[in-house]
PDB file of N, CA and C in Angstrom:
ATOM      1  N   MET A   1      50.196 -42.422  23.311  1.00  0.00           N
ATOM      2  CA  MET A   1      51.486 -43.016  23.013  1.00  0.00           C
ATOM      3  C   MET A   1      52.077 -42.310  21.793  1.00  0.00           C
ATOM      4  N   THR A   2      53.323 -41.948  21.883  1.00  0.00           N
ATOM      5  CA  THR A   2      53.979 -41.272  20.772  1.00  0.00           C
ATOM      6  C   THR A   2      54.591 -42.307  19.841  1.00  0.00           C
ATOM      7  N   ARG A   3      54.654 -41.957  18.591  1.00  0.00           N
ATOM      8  CA  ARG A   3      55.223 -42.883  17.614  1.00  0.00           C
ATOM      9  C   ARG A   3      56.739 -42.717  17.565  1.00  0.00           C
ATOM     10  N   SER A   4      57.409 -43.724  17.039  1.00  0.00           N
ATOM     11  CA  SER A   4      58.854 -43.620  16.879  1.00  0.00           C
ATOM     12  C   SER A   4      59.154 -42.743  15.670  1.00  0.00           C
ATOM     13  N   ARG A   5      60.306 -42.117  15.692  1.00  0.00           N
ATOM     14  CA  ARG A   5      60.716 -41.239  14.595  1.00  0.00           C
ATOM     15  C   ARG A   5      61.271 -42.073  13.451  1.00  0.00           C
ATOM     16  N   HIS A   6      61.049 -41.586  12.240  1.00  0.00           N
ATOM     17  CA  HIS A   6      61.613 -42.239  11.061  1.00  0.00           C
ATOM     18  C   HIS A   6      63.076 -41.836  10.956  1.00  0.00           C
ATOM     19  N   SER A   7      63.902 -42.751  10.486  1.00  0.00           N
ATOM     20  CA  SER A   7      65.345 -42.487  10.431  1.00  0.00           C
ATOM     21  C   SER A   7      65.745 -41.469   9.357  1.00  0.00           C
ATOM     22  N   LYS A   8      64.928 -41.297   8.341  1.00  0.00           N
ATOM     23  CA  LYS A   8      65.226 -40.335   7.269  1.00  0.00           C
ATOM     24  C   LYS A   8      64.493 -39.025   7.550  1.00  0.00           C
ATOM     25  N   LYS A   9      65.243 -37.922   7.604  1.00  0.00           N
ATOM     26  CA  LYS A   9      64.647 -36.645   8.003  1.00  0.00           C
ATOM     27  C   LYS A   9      63.582 -36.161   7.026  1.00  0.00           C
ATOM     28  N   GLU A  10      63.752 -36.429   5.724  1.00  0.00           N
ATOM     29  CA  GLU A  10      62.772 -35.998   4.735  1.00  0.00           C
ATOM     30  C   GLU A  10      61.438 -36.718   4.939  1.00  0.00           C
ATOM     31  N   VAL A  11      61.519 -38.013   5.208  1.00  0.00           N
ATOM     32  CA  VAL A  11      60.311 -38.811   5.416  1.00  0.00           C
ATOM     33  C   VAL A  11      59.646 -38.408   6.732  1.00  0.00           C
ATOM     34  N   GLU A  12      60.440 -38.158   7.757  1.00  0.00           N
ATOM     35  CA  GLU A  12      59.896 -37.721   9.046  1.00  0.00           C
ATOM     36  C   GLU A  12      59.144 -36.401   8.886  1.00  0.00           C
ATOM     37  N   ALA A  13      59.680 -35.486   8.084  1.00  0.00           N
ATOM     38  CA  ALA A  13      59.001 -34.216   7.838  1.00  0.00           C
ATOM     39  C   ALA A  13      57.671 -34.445   7.111  1.00  0.00           C
ATOM     40  N   ALA A  14      57.637 -35.385   6.169  1.00  0.00           N
ATOM     41  CA  ALA A  14      56.400 -35.693   5.453  1.00  0.00           C
ATOM     42  C   ALA A  14      55.374 -36.328   6.395  1.00  0.00           C
ATOM     43  N   LEU A  15      55.825 -37.150   7.329  1.00  0.00           N
ATOM     44  CA  LEU A  15      54.918 -37.756   8.306  1.00  0.00           C
ATOM     45  C   LEU A  15      54.328 -36.695   9.233  1.00  0.00           C
ATOM     46  N   THR A  16      55.142 -35.747   9.644  1.00  0.00           N
ATOM     47  CA  THR A  16      54.660 -34.643  10.478  1.00  0.00           C
ATOM     48  C   THR A  16      53.634 -33.822   9.710  1.00  0.00           C
ATOM     49  N   TYR A  17      53.888 -33.599   8.422  1.00  0.00           N
ATOM     50  CA  TYR A  17      52.964 -32.876   7.546  1.00  0.00           C
ATOM     51  C   TYR A  17      51.623 -33.618   7.471  1.00  0.00           C
ATOM     52  N   ALA A  18      51.684 -34.930   7.285  1.00  0.00           N
ATOM     53  CA  ALA A  18      50.458 -35.729   7.194  1.00  0.00           C
ATOM     54  C   ALA A  18      49.674 -35.684   8.503  1.00  0.00           C
ATOM     55  N   GLU A  19      50.369 -35.783   9.622  1.00  0.00           N
ATOM     56  CA  GLU A  19      49.700 -35.726  10.924  1.00  0.00           C
ATOM     57  C   GLU A  19      49.032 -34.368  11.136  1.00  0.00           C
ATOM     58  N   ALA A  20      49.661 -33.315  10.663  1.00  0.00           N
ATOM     59  CA  ALA A  20      49.078 -31.979  10.790  1.00  0.00           C
ATOM     60  C   ALA A  20      47.786 -31.857   9.980  1.00  0.00           C
ATOM     61  N   HIS A  21      47.636 -32.693   8.955  1.00  0.00           N
ATOM     62  CA  HIS A  21      46.422 -32.690   8.139  1.00  0.00           C
ATOM     63  C   HIS A  21      45.433 -33.768   8.594  1.00  0.00           C
ATOM     64  N   GLY A  22      45.660 -34.342   9.760  1.00  0.00           N
ATOM     65  CA  GLY A  22      44.714 -35.287  10.328  1.00  0.00           C
ATOM     66  C   GLY A  22      44.955 -36.746  10.014  1.00  0.00           C
ATOM     67  N   TRP A  23      45.982 -37.046   9.252  1.00  0.00           N
ATOM     68  CA  TRP A  23      46.266 -38.438   8.912  1.00  0.00           C
ATOM     69  C   TRP A  23      46.859 -39.145  10.125  1.00  0.00           C
ATOM     70  N   ARG A  24      46.598 -40.433  10.233  1.00  0.00           N
ATOM     71  CA  ARG A  24      47.069 -41.248  11.347  1.00  0.00           C
ATOM     72  C   ARG A  24      48.272 -42.079  10.889  1.00  0.00           C
ATOM     73  N   VAL A  25      49.323 -42.109  11.691  1.00  0.00           N
ATOM     74  CA  VAL A  25      50.520 -42.891  11.390  1.00  0.00           C
ATOM     75  C   VAL A  25      50.561 -44.055  12.374  1.00  0.00           C
ATOM     76  N   GLU A  26      50.624 -45.286  11.834  1.00  0.00           N
ATOM     77  CA  GLU A  26      50.682 -46.473  12.684  1.00  0.00           C
ATOM     78  C   GLU A  26      51.846 -47.348  12.251  1.00  0.00           C
ATOM     79  N   PRO A  27      52.480 -48.019  13.217  1.00  0.00           N
ATOM     80  CA  PRO A  27      53.580 -48.928  12.869  1.00  0.00           C
ATOM     81  C   PRO A  27      53.052 -50.126  12.076  1.00  0.00           C
ATOM     82  N   ALA A  28      53.917 -50.714  11.283  1.00  0.00           N
ATOM     83  CA  ALA A  28      53.546 -51.876  10.478  1.00  0.00           C
ATOM     84  C   ALA A  28      54.579 -52.975  10.671  1.00  0.00           C
ATOM     85  N   THR A  29      54.231 -54.151  10.230  1.00  0.00           N
ATOM     86  CA  THR A  29      55.174 -55.264  10.276  1.00  0.00           C
ATOM     87  C   THR A  29      55.610 -55.580   8.855  1.00  0.00           C
ATOM     88  N   GLY A  30      56.745 -56.214   8.722  1.00  0.00           N
ATOM     89  CA  GLY A  30      57.239 -56.568   7.395  1.00  0.00           C
ATOM     90  C   GLY A  30      58.181 -55.508   6.845  1.00  0.00           C
ATOM     91  N   HIS A  31      58.099 -55.284   5.559  1.00  0.00           N
ATOM     92  CA  HIS A  31      59.013 -54.356   4.892  1.00  0.00           C
ATOM     93  C   HIS A  31      58.682 -52.890   5.140  1.00  0.00           C
ATOM     94  N   ALA A  32      57.438 -52.609   5.428  1.00  0.00           N
ATOM     95  CA  ALA A  32      57.035 -51.217   5.642  1.00  0.00           C
ATOM     96  C   ALA A  32      57.375 -50.780   7.061  1.00  0.00           C
ATOM     97  N   TRP A  33      57.800 -49.522   7.209  1.00  0.00           N
ATOM     98  CA  TRP A  33      58.059 -48.936   8.525  1.00  0.00           C
ATOM     99  C   TRP A  33      56.751 -48.654   9.230  1.00  0.00           C
ATOM    100  N   GLY A  34      55.759 -48.225   8.433  1.00  0.00           N
ATOM    101  CA  GLY A  34      54.451 -47.905   8.983  1.00  0.00           C
ATOM    102  C   GLY A  34      53.453 -47.631   7.880  1.00  0.00           C
ATOM    103  N   ARG A  35      52.263 -47.204   8.278  1.00  0.00           N
ATOM    104  CA  ARG A  35      51.219 -46.882   7.315  1.00  0.00           C
ATOM    105  C   ARG A  35      50.557 -45.563   7.691  1.00  0.00           C
ATOM    106  N   LEU A  36      50.159 -44.824   6.658  1.00  0.00           N
ATOM    107  CA  LEU A  36      49.384 -43.602   6.832  1.00  0.00           C
ATOM    108  C   LEU A  36      47.932 -43.930   6.536  1.00  0.00           C
ATOM    109  N   TYR A  37      47.034 -43.481   7.402  1.00  0.00           N
ATOM    110  CA  TYR A  37      45.607 -43.710   7.223  1.00  0.00           C
ATOM    111  C   TYR A  37      44.885 -42.380   7.089  1.00  0.00           C
ATOM    112  N   CYS A  38      44.078 -42.269   6.048  1.00  0.00           N
ATOM    113  CA  CYS A  38      43.305 -41.067   5.775  1.00  0.00           C
ATOM    114  C   CYS A  38      42.237 -40.881   6.848  1.00  0.00           C
ATOM    115  N   PRO A  39      42.023 -39.647   7.322  1.00  0.00           N
ATOM    116  CA  PRO A  39      40.977 -39.432   8.319  1.00  0.00           C
ATOM    117  C   PRO A  39      39.575 -39.505   7.711  1.00  0.00           C
ATOM    118  N   TYR A  40      39.463 -39.413   6.391  1.00  0.00           N
ATOM    119  CA  TYR A  40      38.172 -39.427   5.705  1.00  0.00           C
ATOM    120  C   TYR A  40      38.006 -40.715   4.910  1.00  0.00           C
ATOM    121  N   ASN A  41      38.240 -41.839   5.511  1.00  0.00           N
ATOM    122  CA  ASN A  41      38.203 -43.122   4.811  1.00  0.00           C
ATOM    123  C   ASN A  41      36.768 -43.452   4.416  1.00  0.00           C
ATOM    124  N   ASP A  42      36.321 -42.892   3.300  1.00  0.00           N
ATOM    125  CA  ASP A  42      34.976 -43.158   2.827  1.00  0.00           C
ATOM    126  C   ASP A  42      35.005 -43.630   1.376  1.00  0.00           C
ATOM    127  N   ALA A  43      33.881 -44.098   0.898  1.00  0.00           N
ATOM    128  CA  ALA A  43      33.806 -44.678  -0.446  1.00  0.00           C
ATOM    129  C   ALA A  43      34.086 -43.648  -1.542  1.00  0.00           C
ATOM    130  N   ASP A  44      33.833 -42.377  -1.281  1.00  0.00           N
ATOM    131  CA  ASP A  44      34.034 -41.342  -2.289  1.00  0.00           C
ATOM    132  C   ASP A  44      35.484 -40.903  -2.420  1.00  0.00           C
ATOM    133  N   CYS A  45      36.333 -41.324  -1.523  1.00  0.00           N
ATOM    134  CA  CYS A  45      37.738 -40.918  -1.526  1.00  0.00           C
ATOM    135  C   CYS A  45      38.528 -41.796  -2.492  1.00  0.00           C
ATOM    136  N   ARG A  46      38.328 -41.553  -3.773  1.00  0.00           N
ATOM    137  CA  ARG A  46      39.040 -42.275  -4.840  1.00  0.00           C
ATOM    138  C   ARG A  46      38.948 -43.790  -4.679  1.00  0.00           C
ATOM    139  N   CYS A  47      37.792 -44.259  -4.254  1.00  0.00           N
ATOM    140  CA  CYS A  47      37.525 -45.691  -4.064  1.00  0.00           C
ATOM    141  C   CYS A  47      38.502 -46.331  -3.085  1.00  0.00           C
ATOM    142  N   GLY A  48      39.016 -45.559  -2.158  1.00  0.00           N
ATOM    143  CA  GLY A  48      39.932 -46.086  -1.155  1.00  0.00           C
ATOM    144  C   GLY A  48      41.362 -46.208  -1.628  1.00  0.00           C
ATOM    145  N   GLU A  49      41.653 -45.780  -2.849  1.00  0.00           N
ATOM    146  CA  GLU A  49      42.999 -45.943  -3.398  1.00  0.00           C
ATOM    147  C   GLU A  49      44.045 -45.190  -2.580  1.00  0.00           C
ATOM    148  N   PHE A  50      43.712 -44.007  -2.095  1.00  0.00           N
ATOM    149  CA  PHE A  50      44.678 -43.203  -1.371  1.00  0.00           C
ATOM    150  C   PHE A  50      44.422 -43.173   0.124  1.00  0.00           C
ATOM    151  N   CYS A  51      43.547 -44.044   0.616  1.00  0.00           N
ATOM    152  CA  CYS A  51      43.192 -43.991   2.033  1.00  0.00           C
ATOM    153  C   CYS A  51      44.222 -44.666   2.937  1.00  0.00           C
ATOM    154  N   ILE A  52      45.027 -45.558   2.395  1.00  0.00           N
ATOM    155  CA  ILE A  52      46.091 -46.213   3.162  1.00  0.00           C
ATOM    156  C   ILE A  52      47.360 -46.171   2.327  1.00  0.00           C
ATOM    157  N   VAL A  53      48.450 -45.685   2.931  1.00  0.00           N
ATOM    158  CA  VAL A  53      49.712 -45.548   2.213  1.00  0.00           C
ATOM    159  C   VAL A  53      50.819 -46.166   3.053  1.00  0.00           C
ATOM    160  N   SER A  54      51.661 -46.992   2.447  1.00  0.00           N
ATOM    161  CA  SER A  54      52.796 -47.577   3.151  1.00  0.00           C
ATOM    162  C   SER A  54      53.950 -46.589   3.226  1.00  0.00           C
ATOM    163  N   VAL A  55      54.619 -46.578   4.366  1.00  0.00           N
ATOM    164  CA  VAL A  55      55.818 -45.759   4.568  1.00  0.00           C
ATOM    165  C   VAL A  55      56.980 -46.736   4.653  1.00  0.00           C
ATOM    166  N   TRP A  56      57.914 -46.629   3.725  1.00  0.00           N
ATOM    167  CA  TRP A  56      59.029 -47.565   3.671  1.00  0.00           C
ATOM    168  C   TRP A  56      60.100 -47.199   4.686  1.00  0.00           C
ATOM    169  N   SER A  57      60.732 -48.213   5.253  1.00  0.00           N
ATOM    170  CA  SER A  57      61.750 -47.970   6.276  1.00  0.00           C
ATOM    171  C   SER A  57      63.055 -47.471   5.669  1.00  0.00           C
ATOM    172  N   THR A  58      63.440 -48.013   4.528  1.00  0.00           N
ATOM    173  CA  THR A  58      64.675 -47.592   3.873  1.00  0.00           C
ATOM    174  C   THR A  58      64.416 -47.331   2.390  1.00  0.00           C
ATOM    175  N   PRO A  59      63.774 -46.204   2.072  1.00  0.00           N
ATOM    176  CA  PRO A  59      63.510 -45.916   0.664  1.00  0.00           C
ATOM    177  C   PRO A  59      64.811 -45.658  -0.087  1.00  0.00           C
ATOM    178  N   LYS A  60      64.835 -46.023  -1.359  1.00  0.00           N
ATOM    179  CA  LYS A  60      66.030 -45.818  -2.177  1.00  0.00           C
ATOM    180  C   LYS A  60      66.358 -44.333  -2.289  1.00  0.00           C
ATOM    181  N   ASN A  61      65.308 -43.515  -2.440  1.00  0.00           N
ATOM    182  CA  ASN A  61      65.478 -42.072  -2.524  1.00  0.00           C
ATOM    183  C   ASN A  61      64.522 -41.427  -1.505  1.00  0.00           C
ATOM    184  N   PRO A  62      65.005 -41.089  -0.306  1.00  0.00           N
ATOM    185  CA  PRO A  62      64.137 -40.564   0.749  1.00  0.00           C
ATOM    186  C   PRO A  62      63.389 -39.293   0.356  1.00  0.00           C
ATOM    187  N   ALA A  63      64.020 -38.406  -0.398  1.00  0.00           N
ATOM    188  CA  ALA A  63      63.355 -37.163  -0.798  1.00  0.00           C
ATOM    189  C   ALA A  63      62.178 -37.451  -1.724  1.00  0.00           C
ATOM    190  N   SER A  64      62.345 -38.379  -2.644  1.00  0.00           N
ATOM    191  CA  SER A  64      61.275 -38.743  -3.563  1.00  0.00           C
ATOM    192  C   SER A  64      60.120 -39.415  -2.818  1.00  0.00           C
ATOM    193  N   HIS A  65      60.445 -40.291  -1.874  1.00  0.00           N
ATOM    194  CA  HIS A  65      59.408 -40.963  -1.089  1.00  0.00           C
ATOM    195  C   HIS A  65      58.638 -39.942  -0.245  1.00  0.00           C
ATOM    196  N   ALA A  66      59.335 -38.972   0.307  1.00  0.00           N
ATOM    197  CA  ALA A  66      58.682 -37.920   1.096  1.00  0.00           C
ATOM    198  C   ALA A  66      57.742 -37.096   0.221  1.00  0.00           C
ATOM    199  N   ARG A  67      58.172 -36.759  -1.005  1.00  0.00           N
ATOM    200  CA  ARG A  67      57.307 -36.022  -1.934  1.00  0.00           C
ATOM    201  C   ARG A  67      56.060 -36.826  -2.275  1.00  0.00           C
ATOM    202  N   GLN A  68      56.233 -38.128  -2.457  1.00  0.00           N
ATOM    203  CA  GLN A  68      55.111 -39.002  -2.769  1.00  0.00           C
ATOM    204  C   GLN A  68      54.101 -39.005  -1.614  1.00  0.00           C
ATOM    205  N   LEU A  69      54.581 -39.077  -0.384  1.00  0.00           N
ATOM    206  CA  LEU A  69      53.687 -39.072   0.780  1.00  0.00           C
ATOM    207  C   LEU A  69      52.919 -37.753   0.879  1.00  0.00           C
ATOM    208  N   ARG A  70      53.617 -36.643   0.655  1.00  0.00           N
ATOM    209  CA  ARG A  70      52.944 -35.334   0.692  1.00  0.00           C
ATOM    210  C   ARG A  70      51.913 -35.206  -0.423  1.00  0.00           C
ATOM    211  N   ARG A  71      52.229 -35.739  -1.599  1.00  0.00           N
ATOM    212  CA  ARG A  71      51.322 -35.675  -2.741  1.00  0.00           C
ATOM    213  C   ARG A  71      50.031 -36.451  -2.436  1.00  0.00           C
ATOM    214  N   VAL A  72      50.151 -37.590  -1.789  1.00  0.00           N
ATOM    215  CA  VAL A  72      48.969 -38.375  -1.427  1.00  0.00           C
ATOM    216  C   VAL A  72      48.096 -37.583  -0.460  1.00  0.00           C
ATOM    217  N   VAL A  73      48.705 -36.947   0.528  1.00  0.00           N
ATOM    218  CA  VAL A  73      47.953 -36.140   1.494  1.00  0.00           C
ATOM    219  C   VAL A  73      47.277 -34.969   0.789  1.00  0.00           C
ATOM    220  N   ASP A  74      48.003 -34.286  -0.078  1.00  0.00           N
ATOM    221  CA  ASP A  74      47.461 -33.119  -0.772  1.00  0.00           C
ATOM    222  C   ASP A  74      46.352 -33.475  -1.761  1.00  0.00           C
ATOM    223  N   ASN A  75      46.421 -34.655  -2.381  1.00  0.00           N
ATOM    224  CA  ASN A  75      45.446 -35.044  -3.399  1.00  0.00           C
ATOM    225  C   ASN A  75      44.271 -35.832  -2.851  1.00  0.00           C
ATOM    226  N   CYS A  76      44.175 -35.973  -1.565  1.00  0.00           N
ATOM    227  CA  CYS A  76      43.057 -36.706  -0.970  1.00  0.00           C
ATOM    228  C   CYS A  76      41.755 -35.960  -1.270  1.00  0.00           C
ATOM    229  N   THR A  77      40.773 -36.698  -1.777  1.00  0.00           N
ATOM    230  CA  THR A  77      39.500 -36.085  -2.136  1.00  0.00           C
ATOM    231  C   THR A  77      38.444 -36.246  -1.056  1.00  0.00           C
ATOM    232  N   GLY A  78      38.766 -36.924   0.029  1.00  0.00           N
ATOM    233  CA  GLY A  78      37.806 -37.126   1.105  1.00  0.00           C
ATOM    234  C   GLY A  78      37.621 -35.874   1.928  1.00  0.00           C
ATOM    235  N   GLY A  79      36.778 -35.974   2.921  1.00  0.00           N
ATOM    236  CA  GLY A  79      36.573 -34.850   3.808  1.00  0.00           C
ATOM    237  C   GLY A  79      35.233 -34.202   3.630  1.00  0.00           C
ATOM    238  N   PRO A  80      35.000 -33.178   4.405  1.00  0.00           N
ATOM    239  CA  PRO A  80      33.722 -32.477   4.307  1.00  0.00           C
ATOM    240  C   PRO A  80      33.544 -31.885   2.917  1.00  0.00           C
ATOM    241  N   SER A  81      32.414 -32.156   2.319  1.00  0.00           N
ATOM    242  CA  SER A  81      32.197 -31.646   0.960  1.00  0.00           C
ATOM    243  C   SER A  81      31.836 -30.172   1.004  1.00  0.00           C
ATOM    244  N   SER A  82      32.159 -29.490  -0.048  1.00  0.00           N
ATOM    245  CA  SER A  82      31.863 -28.063  -0.135  1.00  0.00           C
ATOM    246  C   SER A  82      30.455 -27.824  -0.666  1.00  0.00           C
ATOM    247  N   LYS A  83      29.784 -28.889  -1.124  1.00  0.00           N
ATOM    248  CA  LYS A  83      28.436 -28.751  -1.655  1.00  0.00           C
ATOM    249  C   LYS A  83      27.434 -28.672  -0.506  1.00  0.00           C
ATOM    250  N   GLU A  84      26.405 -27.903  -0.722  1.00  0.00           N
ATOM    251  CA  GLU A  84      25.341 -27.849   0.270  1.00  0.00           C
ATOM    252  C   GLU A  84      24.408 -29.039   0.034  1.00  0.00           C
ATOM    253  N   ASP A  85      23.802 -29.515   1.111  1.00  0.00           N
ATOM    254  CA  ASP A  85      22.855 -30.621   0.979  1.00  0.00           C
ATOM    255  C   ASP A  85      21.678 -30.185   0.116  1.00  0.00           C
ATOM    256  N   ASP A  86      21.166 -31.129  -0.653  1.00  0.00           N
ATOM    257  CA  ASP A  86      20.004 -30.820  -1.501  1.00  0.00           C
ATOM    258  C   ASP A  86      18.799 -30.560  -0.597  1.00  0.00           C
ATOM    259  N   LYS A  87      18.254 -29.388  -0.726  1.00  0.00           N
ATOM    260  CA  LYS A  87      17.090 -29.025   0.073  1.00  0.00           C
ATOM    261  C   LYS A  87      15.912 -28.779  -0.859  1.00  0.00           C
ATOM    262  N   PRO A  88      14.724 -29.318  -0.495  1.00  0.00           N
ATOM    263  CA  PRO A  88      13.558 -29.118  -1.362  1.00  0.00           C
ATOM    264  C   PRO A  88      13.081 -27.701  -1.402  1.00  0.00           C
TER     265      PRO A  88
END
């Protein structure tokens, strides 16, 4: 099932960017248009602080909200670690 498009082009571009990085976009109820979910939702990912992000339906400044969404995706610390497993 395809998701509906966001009415603000800047926010829609940020959502496409997040999806390209593996984030999941789901519709929400209430004031939020939807939510972004991190694909690496684990305890080490900043204690879950950035694992779920609300996408507003009518942000006051769409460009700023889009930058904020991209920043969350870019600053996510989850994912495959670059460290090798400790081997005896």
